[in-house]
Amino acid sequence: MKKAMALCFLITTGLACGTNASKDEGEPVEQKKQELREGITIVNGVERSELALTMREMYDQMKTVRDSLARGEEIQTKFLSRFKSIHTDHATEPEKIDDVYNGMASSFLTSYERFEESDTNRVEAFNQMLDACLACHQQKCPGPIKAINKLKLD
């Protein structure tokens, strides 16, 4: 009898706790976004600027590309049109968007375009593109430097 009551208690407690779970649990990140103010979005409770979200997407794409290159797989890289928004996205710290940033953003886009168009030695072109990322991040936003360095291929 005690076992049956304990089992009922556990089931009831489990059901009660389960109904209090957030409805959006398990939904993709895109569905958890909430517009806060112009150019700023809340993702999973954290404020993110358009530029931060774009850069995160760039990192995720380049991680996939790096893994494919490391395995010797053929890759399709057609992200240039998406990445061009680094010139127009709202930044977390808008005061850091200046002529230096815009010059480095253009340099990155040129390096990325060279990588997309490269037929030979894609690893070298990939690493050069990452060097363009690092040049900007060393001056403007050092937080992701360690993660970017981990993307490099030998």
Protein backbone atom coordinates (compact mmCIF):
# COMPACT_ATOMS: atom_id res chain seq x y z
CA MET A 1 0.00 0.00 0.00
CA LYS A 2 2.84 2.39 0.89
CA LYS A 3 4.50 1.65 -2.45
CA ALA A 4 1.29 2.44 -4.33
CA MET A 5 0.89 5.74 -2.47
CA ALA A 6 4.53 6.65 -3.09
CA LEU A 7 4.11 5.87 -6.79
CA CYS A 8 0.94 8.01 -6.99
CA PHE A 9 2.77 10.84 -5.21
CA LEU A 10 5.69 10.68 -7.65
CA ILE A 11 3.41 10.62 -10.68
CA THR A 12 1.32 13.53 -9.36
CA THR A 13 4.43 15.55 -8.52
CA GLY A 14 5.93 14.84 -11.93
CA LEU A 15 2.78 15.92 -13.71
CA ALA A 16 2.45 19.06 -11.60
CA CYS A 17 6.04 20.05 -12.26
CA GLY A 18 5.69 19.28 -15.95
CA THR A 19 2.73 21.62 -16.36
CA ASN A 20 4.71 24.55 -14.96
CA ALA A 21 7.40 24.19 -17.63
CA SER A 22 7.72 27.05 -20.06
CA LYS A 23 5.63 26.57 -23.18
CA ASP A 24 8.50 27.65 -25.42
CA GLU A 25 10.95 25.13 -23.99
CA GLY A 26 12.57 23.23 -26.80
CA GLU A 27 11.53 25.72 -29.48
CA PRO A 28 14.22 26.96 -31.86
CA VAL A 29 16.13 30.09 -30.81
CA GLU A 30 14.40 32.11 -33.52
CA GLN A 31 11.06 31.52 -31.82
CA LYS A 32 12.39 32.64 -28.43
CA LYS A 33 13.37 36.08 -29.74
CA GLN A 34 11.56 39.11 -28.46
CA GLU A 35 12.13 42.55 -29.99
CA LEU A 36 13.23 44.93 -27.21
CA ARG A 37 14.16 48.15 -29.02
CA GLU A 38 15.45 48.94 -32.46
CA GLY A 39 18.21 46.51 -33.34
CA ILE A 40 18.15 44.71 -29.99
CA THR A 41 16.50 41.34 -29.45
CA ILE A 42 16.18 39.15 -26.37
CA VAL A 43 17.26 35.58 -27.07
CA ASN A 44 16.86 33.13 -24.20
CA GLY A 45 16.72 36.02 -21.73
CA VAL A 46 19.86 37.78 -23.03
CA GLU A 47 19.90 41.03 -25.02
CA ARG A 48 21.54 40.59 -28.43
CA SER A 49 22.09 43.21 -31.09
CA GLU A 50 21.55 42.50 -34.77
CA LEU A 51 25.32 42.57 -35.27
CA ALA A 52 25.91 40.12 -32.41
CA LEU A 53 23.32 37.74 -33.87
CA THR A 54 24.89 38.02 -37.34
CA MET A 55 28.35 37.38 -35.94
CA ARG A 56 27.05 34.37 -34.01
CA GLU A 57 25.53 33.04 -37.23
CA MET A 58 28.86 33.65 -39.00
CA TYR A 59 30.69 31.71 -36.30
CA ASP A 60 28.24 28.81 -36.48
CA GLN A 61 28.50 28.66 -40.29
CA MET A 62 32.31 28.84 -40.22
CA LYS A 63 32.47 26.08 -37.61
CA THR A 64 30.47 23.84 -39.96
CA VAL A 65 32.70 24.84 -42.89
CA ARG A 66 35.85 24.17 -40.83
CA ASP A 67 34.62 20.71 -39.87
CA SER A 68 33.83 19.91 -43.51
CA LEU A 69 37.23 21.18 -44.69
CA ALA A 70 38.98 19.14 -41.99
CA ARG A 71 37.22 16.00 -43.23
CA GLY A 72 38.18 16.81 -46.82
CA GLU A 73 34.56 17.20 -47.88
CA GLU A 74 33.41 19.46 -50.65
CA ILE A 75 31.67 22.49 -49.23
CA GLN A 76 29.08 24.93 -50.48
CA THR A 77 29.68 28.41 -49.14
CA LYS A 78 27.17 30.96 -50.29
CA PHE A 79 26.81 33.21 -47.26
CA LEU A 80 28.30 36.43 -48.66
CA SER A 81 24.98 38.17 -49.29
CA ARG A 82 23.88 37.36 -45.73
CA PHE A 83 27.16 38.48 -44.15
CA LYS A 84 27.10 41.88 -45.90
CA SER A 85 24.70 43.06 -43.21
CA ILE A 86 27.69 43.60 -40.90
CA HIS A 87 27.77 47.09 -42.45
CA THR A 88 24.16 47.89 -41.52
CA ASP A 89 23.26 45.79 -38.47
CA HIS A 90 22.70 47.64 -35.20
CA ALA A 91 25.61 47.05 -32.82
CA THR A 92 25.57 46.38 -29.10
CA GLU A 93 27.95 49.32 -28.72
CA PRO A 94 27.12 51.66 -31.64
CA GLU A 95 29.99 53.99 -30.76
CA LYS A 96 32.43 51.28 -31.93
CA ILE A 97 31.04 51.43 -35.46
CA ASP A 98 33.39 53.90 -37.08
CA ASP A 99 35.57 54.19 -40.18
CA VAL A 100 38.05 51.67 -38.75
CA TYR A 101 35.28 49.12 -38.17
CA ASN A 102 33.80 49.70 -41.63
CA GLY A 103 37.22 49.28 -43.25
CA MET A 104 37.81 46.02 -41.42
CA ALA A 105 34.29 44.81 -42.22
CA SER A 106 34.99 45.45 -45.90
CA SER A 107 38.32 43.63 -45.59
CA PHE A 108 36.55 40.65 -44.02
CA LEU A 109 33.93 40.56 -46.79
CA THR A 110 36.68 40.67 -49.44
CA SER A 111 38.54 37.82 -47.70
CA TYR A 112 35.34 35.85 -47.36
CA GLU A 113 34.52 36.36 -51.05
CA ARG A 114 38.03 35.13 -51.97
CA PHE A 115 37.42 32.07 -49.81
CA GLU A 116 34.08 31.37 -51.52
CA GLU A 117 35.68 31.69 -54.95
CA SER A 118 38.82 29.67 -54.16
CA ASP A 119 39.23 26.44 -56.07
CA THR A 120 42.58 25.42 -54.65
CA ASN A 121 44.01 25.59 -51.16
CA ARG A 122 40.71 26.38 -49.50
CA VAL A 123 42.26 25.85 -46.07
CA GLU A 124 44.68 28.74 -46.64
CA ALA A 125 41.84 30.95 -47.92
CA PHE A 126 39.73 29.94 -44.91
CA ASN A 127 42.50 30.85 -42.46
CA GLN A 128 43.09 34.19 -44.23
CA MET A 129 39.40 34.97 -43.89
CA LEU A 130 39.65 34.19 -40.16
CA ASP A 131 42.67 36.51 -39.93
CA ALA A 132 40.41 39.31 -41.18
CA CYS A 133 37.95 38.48 -38.38
CA LEU A 134 40.74 38.54 -35.82
CA ALA A 135 42.14 41.88 -37.03
CA CYS A 136 38.85 43.57 -36.27
CA HIS A 137 38.12 41.73 -33.05
CA GLN A 138 41.57 42.58 -31.67
CA GLN A 139 40.69 46.27 -31.94
CA LYS A 140 36.92 46.40 -31.48
CA CYS A 141 35.55 43.44 -29.53
CA PRO A 142 38.10 40.98 -28.13
CA GLY A 143 35.61 38.57 -26.54
CA PRO A 144 35.39 36.06 -29.44
CA ILE A 145 39.14 35.96 -30.25
CA LYS A 146 39.72 32.62 -28.52
CA ALA A 147 36.76 31.01 -30.30
CA ILE A 148 37.84 32.41 -33.69
CA ASN A 149 41.38 31.08 -33.18
CA LYS A 150 39.94 27.62 -32.53
CA LEU A 151 38.36 27.69 -35.99
CA LYS A 152 41.76 27.84 -37.72
CA LEU A 153 42.98 24.79 -39.57
CA ASP A 154 46.59 23.58 -39.71
